[in-house]
Amino acid sequence: MKTILVIIDGCRPDGLEQATTPNIDHMIENGAHTLNASTVSPSITLPVHFSIFTSLKPISHNVLSNTGSPSPSTDARSIIDVAKDFGKKTAAFYSWEHFRNLSAPGSLDHSHFIKSCSVENCDVEIAQAAAAYLTSSSPDFCFVYFEGTDIAGHKTGWMSKEYLDAIEMADTALGIILGELKKTNLSDSYTIILHSDHGGMGHHHMENTQEVMTIPWLAFGPGVRAKHRITENVNIIDTAPTLAGLMGIPAHHTWQGRAVSGVNL
């Protein structure tokens, strides 16, 4: 099974509930989800993404800030690296250049970066680029990052109108990918995991509060249980093992998470 990982930066579960999100609603209705998953501390974008990709808590992967030149521990092995080790084709589409550090050199077959501050509606442009590559090259693993929600949260506040509008824009961007997969008869080839990296409150996401630490986590695709509400505890370190299981490759021996039940084939 091929996989797509979609991260909507800074998306709170109650933000999803208040915003109009037909594409995410479709994933929830026809897949498995929880609106009570957990992120890690520090709840900062790069440390959290390292936890997502390496299935390690920050204290273990040693990336503790948004540095442009992180020094991860030798135990940190990204899902991108593991997928490449097993001959999988990999791709990433993102708007924050620090994410170039999420995999070792040579592990990505295709990387597409747009500097967010210079592009209006960046999430849509990221989605358009990802959709084109997915339908032309059909990678086994594809990472897609939507940043607009986090930008709006920092600028106008989490749960502000602008923030909810940004969630709706991310949903529109997701719809571009879903639509292209359907049009090219690839919907049955991909399982999509979508979640956030952290929530937020006020204009930041630094405190270990429920508004910051609780995130939505969704899975959608062939073999995923429809209308399934996940009741087990889910943490972002469970994402990489779940993706590995979907792709039919073993979890790396250093990973601390486990595959989420009801998602793997």
C-alpha atoms as a PDB file:
ATOM      1  CA  MET A   1       0.000   0.000   0.000  1.00  0.00           C
ATOM      2  CA  LYS A   2       1.207   3.523  -0.837  1.00  0.00           C
ATOM      3  CA  THR A   3       0.887   6.263   1.780  1.00  0.00           C
ATOM      4  CA  ILE A   4       0.457  10.019   2.090  1.00  0.00           C
ATOM      5  CA  LEU A   5       1.155  11.887   5.323  1.00  0.00           C
ATOM      6  CA  VAL A   6      -0.612  15.258   5.539  1.00  0.00           C
ATOM      7  CA  ILE A   7       0.299  17.577   8.413  1.00  0.00           C
ATOM      8  CA  ILE A   8      -1.873  20.655   9.049  1.00  0.00           C
ATOM      9  CA  ASP A   9       0.332  22.782  11.270  1.00  0.00           C
ATOM     10  CA  GLY A  10      -1.308  24.034  14.458  1.00  0.00           C
ATOM     11  CA  CYS A  11      -4.769  22.587  13.776  1.00  0.00           C
ATOM     12  CA  ARG A  12      -6.861  22.150  16.918  1.00  0.00           C
ATOM     13  CA  PRO A  13      -9.644  19.530  17.037  1.00  0.00           C
ATOM     14  CA  ASP A  14     -12.233  22.134  18.031  1.00  0.00           C
ATOM     15  CA  GLY A  15     -11.035  24.235  15.111  1.00  0.00           C
ATOM     16  CA  LEU A  16     -11.963  21.376  12.795  1.00  0.00           C
ATOM     17  CA  GLU A  17     -15.362  21.141  14.450  1.00  0.00           C
ATOM     18  CA  GLN A  18     -16.079  24.851  14.003  1.00  0.00           C
ATOM     19  CA  ALA A  19     -14.658  25.291  10.494  1.00  0.00           C
ATOM     20  CA  THR A  20     -16.350  24.084   7.315  1.00  0.00           C
ATOM     21  CA  THR A  21     -14.202  21.157   6.169  1.00  0.00           C
ATOM     22  CA  PRO A  22     -16.053  18.877   3.712  1.00  0.00           C
ATOM     23  CA  ASN A  23     -12.941  16.962   2.662  1.00  0.00           C
ATOM     24  CA  ILE A  24     -11.765  16.232   6.195  1.00  0.00           C
ATOM     25  CA  ASP A  25     -15.369  15.375   7.116  1.00  0.00           C
ATOM     26  CA  HIS A  26     -15.352  12.868   4.245  1.00  0.00           C
ATOM     27  CA  MET A  27     -12.195  11.273   5.641  1.00  0.00           C
ATOM     28  CA  ILE A  28     -13.740  11.059   9.108  1.00  0.00           C
ATOM     29  CA  GLU A  29     -16.970   9.579   7.767  1.00  0.00           C
ATOM     30  CA  ASN A  30     -15.181   6.975   5.666  1.00  0.00           C
ATOM     31  CA  GLY A  31     -12.135   6.251   7.790  1.00  0.00           C
ATOM     32  CA  ALA A  32     -10.759   6.058  11.317  1.00  0.00           C
ATOM     33  CA  HIS A  33     -10.175   9.040  13.556  1.00  0.00           C
ATOM     34  CA  THR A  34      -9.653  10.470  16.987  1.00  0.00           C
ATOM     35  CA  LEU A  35      -9.947  14.090  18.039  1.00  0.00           C
ATOM     36  CA  ASN A  36      -8.044  13.319  21.226  1.00  0.00           C
ATOM     37  CA  ALA A  37      -4.544  12.366  20.060  1.00  0.00           C
ATOM     38  CA  SER A  38      -1.481  13.833  21.768  1.00  0.00           C
ATOM     39  CA  THR A  39       1.620  15.662  20.674  1.00  0.00           C
ATOM     40  CA  VAL A  40       4.958  15.825  22.490  1.00  0.00           C
ATOM     41  CA  SER A  41       6.774  18.436  24.552  1.00  0.00           C
ATOM     42  CA  PRO A  42       8.331  20.777  23.631  1.00  0.00           C
ATOM     43  CA  SER A  43       5.394  21.431  21.315  1.00  0.00           C
ATOM     44  CA  ILE A  44       7.542  23.302  18.804  1.00  0.00           C
ATOM     45  CA  THR A  45       7.279  22.604  15.087  1.00  0.00           C
ATOM     46  CA  LEU A  46      10.674  21.049  14.312  1.00  0.00           C
ATOM     47  CA  PRO A  47      11.002  18.918  17.482  1.00  0.00           C
ATOM     48  CA  VAL A  48       7.442  17.688  16.972  1.00  0.00           C
ATOM     49  CA  HIS A  49       8.047  16.808  13.323  1.00  0.00           C
ATOM     50  CA  PHE A  50      11.182  14.911  14.279  1.00  0.00           C
ATOM     51  CA  SER A  51       9.006  12.948  16.714  1.00  0.00           C
ATOM     52  CA  ILE A  52       6.460  12.281  13.968  1.00  0.00           C
ATOM     53  CA  PHE A  53       9.086  11.070  11.517  1.00  0.00           C
ATOM     54  CA  THR A  54      11.459   9.208  13.884  1.00  0.00           C
ATOM     55  CA  SER A  55       8.879   7.846  16.370  1.00  0.00           C
ATOM     56  CA  LEU A  56      10.983   9.170  19.245  1.00  0.00           C
ATOM     57  CA  LYS A  57      10.197  11.616  22.022  1.00  0.00           C
ATOM     58  CA  PRO A  58      12.252  14.838  21.772  1.00  0.00           C
ATOM     59  CA  ILE A  59      14.466  13.828  24.684  1.00  0.00           C
ATOM     60  CA  SER A  60      15.455  10.782  22.634  1.00  0.00           C
ATOM     61  CA  HIS A  61      15.926  12.338  19.182  1.00  0.00           C
ATOM     62  CA  ASN A  62      17.662  15.436  20.668  1.00  0.00           C
ATOM     63  CA  VAL A  63      16.012  18.071  18.451  1.00  0.00           C
ATOM     64  CA  LEU A  64      14.647  20.495  21.036  1.00  0.00           C
ATOM     65  CA  SER A  65      14.269  23.783  19.153  1.00  0.00           C
ATOM     66  CA  ASN A  66      13.498  25.215  15.724  1.00  0.00           C
ATOM     67  CA  THR A  67      17.135  25.321  14.754  1.00  0.00           C
ATOM     68  CA  GLY A  68      18.121  25.359  11.107  1.00  0.00           C
ATOM     69  CA  SER A  69      20.972  22.928  11.772  1.00  0.00           C
ATOM     70  CA  PRO A  70      19.739  20.248  14.175  1.00  0.00           C
ATOM     71  CA  SER A  71      21.966  17.501  15.553  1.00  0.00           C
ATOM     72  CA  PRO A  72      19.654  14.516  16.003  1.00  0.00           C
ATOM     73  CA  SER A  73      20.779  11.530  18.011  1.00  0.00           C
ATOM     74  CA  THR A  74      22.218   8.496  16.255  1.00  0.00           C
ATOM     75  CA  ASP A  75      19.036   6.599  17.199  1.00  0.00           C
ATOM     76  CA  ALA A  76      16.874   8.910  15.077  1.00  0.00           C
ATOM     77  CA  ARG A  77      15.861   7.157  11.855  1.00  0.00           C
ATOM     78  CA  SER A  78      13.145   8.818   9.795  1.00  0.00           C
ATOM     79  CA  ILE A  79      10.252   7.008   8.134  1.00  0.00           C
ATOM     80  CA  ILE A  80      11.601   8.508   4.886  1.00  0.00           C
ATOM     81  CA  ASP A  81      14.986   6.857   5.460  1.00  0.00           C
ATOM     82  CA  VAL A  82      13.435   3.526   6.417  1.00  0.00           C
ATOM     83  CA  ALA A  83      11.145   3.585   3.383  1.00  0.00           C
ATOM     84  CA  LYS A  84      14.138   4.259   1.124  1.00  0.00           C
ATOM     85  CA  ASP A  85      16.082   1.435   2.813  1.00  0.00           C
ATOM     86  CA  PHE A  86      13.356  -0.918   1.587  1.00  0.00           C
ATOM     87  CA  GLY A  87      13.329   0.423  -1.951  1.00  0.00           C
ATOM     88  CA  LYS A  88      10.315   2.713  -1.646  1.00  0.00           C
ATOM     89  CA  LYS A  89       9.925   5.871  -3.731  1.00  0.00           C
ATOM     90  CA  THR A  90       9.643   8.954  -1.516  1.00  0.00           C
ATOM     91  CA  ALA A  91       8.582  12.589  -1.900  1.00  0.00           C
ATOM     92  CA  ALA A  92       7.984  15.688   0.240  1.00  0.00           C
ATOM     93  CA  PHE A  93       6.136  18.971  -0.358  1.00  0.00           C
ATOM     94  CA  TYR A  94       6.553  21.718   2.210  1.00  0.00           C
ATOM     95  CA  SER A  95       6.835  25.453   2.839  1.00  0.00           C
ATOM     96  CA  TRP A  96       9.296  25.555   5.743  1.00  0.00           C
ATOM     97  CA  GLU A  97      12.890  24.914   4.717  1.00  0.00           C
ATOM     98  CA  HIS A  98      13.911  23.397   8.055  1.00  0.00           C
ATOM     99  CA  PHE A  99      12.101  20.223   6.978  1.00  0.00           C
ATOM    100  CA  ARG A 100      15.026  19.429   4.688  1.00  0.00           C
ATOM    101  CA  ASN A 101      16.504  17.937   7.878  1.00  0.00           C
ATOM    102  CA  LEU A 102      13.765  15.320   8.341  1.00  0.00           C
ATOM    103  CA  SER A 103      15.625  12.745   6.265  1.00  0.00           C
ATOM    104  CA  ALA A 104      19.192  11.859   5.383  1.00  0.00           C
ATOM    105  CA  PRO A 105      20.673  13.065   2.090  1.00  0.00           C
ATOM    106  CA  GLY A 106      19.633  10.726  -0.698  1.00  0.00           C
ATOM    107  CA  SER A 107      16.496   9.399   0.983  1.00  0.00           C
ATOM    108  CA  LEU A 108      14.087  11.651  -0.921  1.00  0.00           C
ATOM    109  CA  ASP A 109      13.433  10.969  -4.588  1.00  0.00           C
ATOM    110  CA  HIS A 110      11.588  14.268  -4.980  1.00  0.00           C
ATOM    111  CA  SER A 111      11.454  17.401  -2.806  1.00  0.00           C
ATOM    112  CA  HIS A 112       9.356  20.518  -3.473  1.00  0.00           C
ATOM    113  CA  PHE A 113       9.828  23.640  -1.347  1.00  0.00           C
ATOM    114  CA  ILE A 114       7.908  26.926  -1.520  1.00  0.00           C
ATOM    115  CA  LYS A 115       8.874  29.778   0.781  1.00  0.00           C
ATOM    116  CA  SER A 116       5.555  30.462   2.509  1.00  0.00           C
ATOM    117  CA  CYS A 117       6.031  34.141   3.207  1.00  0.00           C
ATOM    118  CA  SER A 118       6.407  34.925  -0.506  1.00  0.00           C
ATOM    119  CA  VAL A 119       3.453  32.942  -1.851  1.00  0.00           C
ATOM    120  CA  GLU A 120      -0.229  33.746  -1.352  1.00  0.00           C
ATOM    121  CA  ASN A 121      -2.407  30.695  -0.672  1.00  0.00           C
ATOM    122  CA  CYS A 122       0.711  28.581  -0.228  1.00  0.00           C
ATOM    123  CA  ASP A 123      -1.226  25.534   0.980  1.00  0.00           C
ATOM    124  CA  VAL A 124      -3.080  25.408  -2.333  1.00  0.00           C
ATOM    125  CA  GLU A 125       0.171  25.689  -4.308  1.00  0.00           C
ATOM    126  CA  ILE A 126       1.734  22.934  -2.222  1.00  0.00           C
ATOM    127  CA  ALA A 127      -1.334  20.759  -2.833  1.00  0.00           C
ATOM    128  CA  GLN A 128      -1.276  21.400  -6.568  1.00  0.00           C
ATOM    129  CA  ALA A 129       2.398  20.429  -6.779  1.00  0.00           C
ATOM    130  CA  ALA A 130       1.838  17.315  -4.659  1.00  0.00           C
ATOM    131  CA  ALA A 131      -1.223  16.250  -6.641  1.00  0.00           C
ATOM    132  CA  ALA A 132       0.658  16.590  -9.927  1.00  0.00           C
ATOM    133  CA  TYR A 133       3.550  14.495  -8.688  1.00  0.00           C
ATOM    134  CA  LEU A 134       1.344  11.879  -7.052  1.00  0.00           C
ATOM    135  CA  THR A 135      -0.568  11.299 -10.265  1.00  0.00           C
ATOM    136  CA  SER A 136       2.481  11.391 -12.550  1.00  0.00           C
ATOM    137  CA  SER A 137       5.004   9.445 -10.457  1.00  0.00           C
ATOM    138  CA  SER A 138       2.971   7.562  -7.821  1.00  0.00           C
ATOM    139  CA  PRO A 139       5.519   7.576  -4.955  1.00  0.00           C
ATOM    140  CA  ASP A 140       5.172   5.012  -2.187  1.00  0.00           C
ATOM    141  CA  PHE A 141       5.438   7.660   0.537  1.00  0.00           C
ATOM    142  CA  CYS A 142       4.572  11.341   0.207  1.00  0.00           C
ATOM    143  CA  PHE A 143       4.737  14.021   2.904  1.00  0.00           C
ATOM    144  CA  VAL A 144       2.508  17.083   2.399  1.00  0.00           C
ATOM    145  CA  TYR A 145       2.715  20.043   4.774  1.00  0.00           C
ATOM    146  CA  PHE A 146       0.105  22.804   5.123  1.00  0.00           C
ATOM    147  CA  GLU A 147       1.378  25.799   7.095  1.00  0.00           C
ATOM    148  CA  GLY A 148      -1.373  28.421   6.796  1.00  0.00           C
ATOM    149  CA  THR A 149      -3.164  27.475  10.013  1.00  0.00           C
ATOM    150  CA  ASP A 150      -0.064  27.999  12.136  1.00  0.00           C
ATOM    151  CA  ILE A 151       0.698  31.324  10.451  1.00  0.00           C
ATOM    152  CA  ALA A 152      -2.858  32.520  11.158  1.00  0.00           C
ATOM    153  CA  GLY A 153      -2.714  31.292  14.752  1.00  0.00           C
ATOM    154  CA  HIS A 154       0.444  33.237  15.504  1.00  0.00           C
ATOM    155  CA  LYS A 155      -0.804  36.343  13.695  1.00  0.00           C
ATOM    156  CA  THR A 156      -4.452  36.635  14.744  1.00  0.00           C
ATOM    157  CA  GLY A 157      -4.825  34.006  17.470  1.00  0.00           C
ATOM    158  CA  TRP A 158      -5.928  30.400  17.671  1.00  0.00           C
ATOM    159  CA  MET A 159      -9.706  30.069  17.087  1.00  0.00           C
ATOM    160  CA  SER A 160      -9.893  33.542  15.499  1.00  0.00           C
ATOM    161  CA  LYS A 161     -11.932  33.929  12.310  1.00  0.00           C
ATOM    162  CA  GLU A 162      -8.717  34.118  10.295  1.00  0.00           C
ATOM    163  CA  TYR A 163      -7.508  30.920  11.920  1.00  0.00           C
ATOM    164  CA  LEU A 164     -10.732  29.080  11.091  1.00  0.00           C
ATOM    165  CA  ASP A 165     -10.518  30.453   7.547  1.00  0.00           C
ATOM    166  CA  ALA A 166      -7.012  28.977   7.308  1.00  0.00           C
ATOM    167  CA  ILE A 167      -8.317  25.562   8.359  1.00  0.00           C
ATOM    168  CA  GLU A 168     -10.885  25.828   5.584  1.00  0.00           C
ATOM    169  CA  MET A 169      -8.108  26.727   3.119  1.00  0.00           C
ATOM    170  CA  ALA A 170      -6.159  23.647   4.228  1.00  0.00           C
ATOM    171  CA  ASP A 171      -9.280  21.572   3.638  1.00  0.00           C
ATOM    172  CA  THR A 172      -9.590  23.061   0.149  1.00  0.00           C
ATOM    173  CA  ALA A 173      -5.960  22.151  -0.492  1.00  0.00           C
ATOM    174  CA  LEU A 174      -6.595  18.603   0.724  1.00  0.00           C
ATOM    175  CA  GLY A 175      -9.528  18.423  -1.675  1.00  0.00           C
ATOM    176  CA  ILE A 176      -7.185  19.131  -4.590  1.00  0.00           C
ATOM    177  CA  ILE A 177      -5.171  16.030  -3.721  1.00  0.00           C
ATOM    178  CA  LEU A 178      -8.223  13.846  -3.102  1.00  0.00           C
ATOM    179  CA  GLY A 179      -9.788  15.036  -6.350  1.00  0.00           C
ATOM    180  CA  GLU A 180      -6.709  14.286  -8.459  1.00  0.00           C
ATOM    181  CA  LEU A 181      -6.317  10.839  -6.918  1.00  0.00           C
ATOM    182  CA  LYS A 182      -9.937  10.077  -7.733  1.00  0.00           C
ATOM    183  CA  LYS A 183      -9.715  11.456 -11.272  1.00  0.00           C
ATOM    184  CA  THR A 184      -6.661   9.341 -12.050  1.00  0.00           C
ATOM    185  CA  ASN A 185      -8.038   6.179 -10.401  1.00  0.00           C
ATOM    186  CA  LEU A 186      -5.378   6.219  -7.689  1.00  0.00           C
ATOM    187  CA  SER A 187      -7.687   6.564  -4.679  1.00  0.00           C
ATOM    188  CA  ASP A 188      -7.539   2.822  -4.015  1.00  0.00           C
ATOM    189  CA  SER A 189      -3.743   2.865  -4.146  1.00  0.00           C
ATOM    190  CA  TYR A 190      -3.197   5.284  -1.261  1.00  0.00           C
ATOM    191  CA  THR A 191      -3.917   5.412   2.439  1.00  0.00           C
ATOM    192  CA  ILE A 192      -3.788   8.936   3.839  1.00  0.00           C
ATOM    193  CA  ILE A 193      -2.865   9.780   7.416  1.00  0.00           C
ATOM    194  CA  LEU A 194      -3.704  13.349   8.370  1.00  0.00           C
ATOM    195  CA  HIS A 195      -3.033  15.045  11.670  1.00  0.00           C
ATOM    196  CA  SER A 196      -1.615  18.166  13.266  1.00  0.00           C
ATOM    197  CA  ASP A 197       1.706  18.694  14.992  1.00  0.00           C
ATOM    198  CA  HIS A 198       0.267  20.733  17.888  1.00  0.00           C
ATOM    199  CA  GLY A 199      -2.645  22.981  18.787  1.00  0.00           C
ATOM    200  CA  GLY A 200      -2.337  26.467  20.211  1.00  0.00           C
ATOM    201  CA  MET A 201      -3.854  29.109  22.443  1.00  0.00           C
ATOM    202  CA  GLY A 202      -3.674  32.850  22.251  1.00  0.00           C
ATOM    203  CA  HIS A 203      -0.880  33.528  19.780  1.00  0.00           C
ATOM    204  CA  HIS A 204       1.466  30.668  20.680  1.00  0.00           C
ATOM    205  CA  HIS A 205       1.795  26.940  21.367  1.00  0.00           C
ATOM    206  CA  MET A 206       4.410  26.777  24.100  1.00  0.00           C
ATOM    207  CA  GLU A 207       2.466  25.645  27.179  1.00  0.00           C
ATOM    208  CA  ASN A 208       1.521  22.065  28.016  1.00  0.00           C
ATOM    209  CA  THR A 209      -2.211  22.782  28.024  1.00  0.00           C
ATOM    210  CA  GLN A 210      -5.009  20.750  26.483  1.00  0.00           C
ATOM    211  CA  GLU A 211      -5.460  23.388  23.771  1.00  0.00           C
ATOM    212  CA  VAL A 212      -1.822  22.928  22.734  1.00  0.00           C
ATOM    213  CA  MET A 213      -1.191  19.230  23.366  1.00  0.00           C
ATOM    214  CA  THR A 214      -4.390  17.727  21.889  1.00  0.00           C
ATOM    215  CA  ILE A 215      -4.564  17.144  18.136  1.00  0.00           C
ATOM    216  CA  PRO A 216      -6.789  15.423  15.566  1.00  0.00           C
ATOM    217  CA  TRP A 217      -5.484  12.199  13.976  1.00  0.00           C
ATOM    218  CA  LEU A 218      -7.211  10.634  10.932  1.00  0.00           C
ATOM    219  CA  ALA A 219      -6.637   7.707   8.575  1.00  0.00           C
ATOM    220  CA  PHE A 220      -8.464   7.150   5.294  1.00  0.00           C
ATOM    221  CA  GLY A 221      -8.061   4.645   2.488  1.00  0.00           C
ATOM    222  CA  PRO A 222      -8.387   0.996   1.464  1.00  0.00           C
ATOM    223  CA  GLY A 223      -8.389  -1.325   4.441  1.00  0.00           C
ATOM    224  CA  VAL A 224      -9.039   1.424   6.993  1.00  0.00           C
ATOM    225  CA  ARG A 225     -12.174   0.841   9.045  1.00  0.00           C
ATOM    226  CA  ALA A 226     -14.952   3.228   7.981  1.00  0.00           C
ATOM    227  CA  LYS A 227     -16.839   5.255  10.577  1.00  0.00           C
ATOM    228  CA  HIS A 228     -14.306   4.093  13.161  1.00  0.00           C
ATOM    229  CA  ARG A 229     -13.678   6.256  16.205  1.00  0.00           C
ATOM    230  CA  ILE A 230     -10.279   5.352  17.629  1.00  0.00           C
ATOM    231  CA  THR A 231     -10.592   4.926  21.390  1.00  0.00           C
ATOM    232  CA  GLU A 232      -7.021   3.919  22.202  1.00  0.00           C
ATOM    233  CA  ASN A 233      -4.461   6.525  23.160  1.00  0.00           C
ATOM    234  CA  VAL A 234      -2.712   7.867  20.063  1.00  0.00           C
ATOM    235  CA  ASN A 235       0.483   9.894  20.119  1.00  0.00           C
ATOM    236  CA  ILE A 236       2.304  11.408  17.177  1.00  0.00           C
ATOM    237  CA  ILE A 237       5.152   8.926  17.707  1.00  0.00           C
ATOM    238  CA  ASP A 238       2.673   6.256  16.526  1.00  0.00           C
ATOM    239  CA  THR A 239       2.493   7.739  13.018  1.00  0.00           C
ATOM    240  CA  ALA A 240       5.744   6.349  11.601  1.00  0.00           C
ATOM    241  CA  PRO A 241       5.074   2.736  12.705  1.00  0.00           C
ATOM    242  CA  THR A 242       1.550   2.996  11.283  1.00  0.00           C
ATOM    243  CA  LEU A 243       2.898   4.246   7.944  1.00  0.00           C
ATOM    244  CA  ALA A 244       5.536   1.508   7.883  1.00  0.00           C
ATOM    245  CA  GLY A 245       2.906  -1.153   8.503  1.00  0.00           C
ATOM    246  CA  LEU A 246       0.770   0.203   5.680  1.00  0.00           C
ATOM    247  CA  MET A 247       3.750   0.058   3.318  1.00  0.00           C
ATOM    248  CA  GLY A 248       4.572  -3.485   4.393  1.00  0.00           C
ATOM    249  CA  ILE A 249       7.961  -2.646   5.888  1.00  0.00           C
ATOM    250  CA  PRO A 250       9.173  -3.252   9.448  1.00  0.00           C
ATOM    251  CA  ALA A 251       9.309  -0.552  12.072  1.00  0.00           C
ATOM    252  CA  HIS A 252      12.825   0.613  12.870  1.00  0.00           C
ATOM    253  CA  HIS A 253      14.209  -0.986  16.018  1.00  0.00           C
ATOM    254  CA  THR A 254      14.700   2.398  17.745  1.00  0.00           C
ATOM    255  CA  TRP A 255      11.114   3.597  17.286  1.00  0.00           C
ATOM    256  CA  GLN A 256       9.144   4.093  20.479  1.00  0.00           C
ATOM    257  CA  GLY A 257       5.604   4.221  19.029  1.00  0.00           C
ATOM    258  CA  ARG A 258       3.337   1.458  17.728  1.00  0.00           C
ATOM    259  CA  ALA A 259       0.982   1.077  14.798  1.00  0.00           C
ATOM    260  CA  VAL A 260      -2.533   2.385  15.480  1.00  0.00           C
ATOM    261  CA  SER A 261      -5.074  -0.460  15.437  1.00  0.00           C
ATOM    262  CA  GLY A 262      -7.891  -0.360  12.885  1.00  0.00           C
ATOM    263  CA  VAL A 263      -5.625   1.363  10.340  1.00  0.00           C
ATOM    264  CA  ASN A 264      -3.124  -1.232   9.122  1.00  0.00           C
ATOM    265  CA  LEU A 265      -4.263  -3.868   6.650  1.00  0.00           C
END
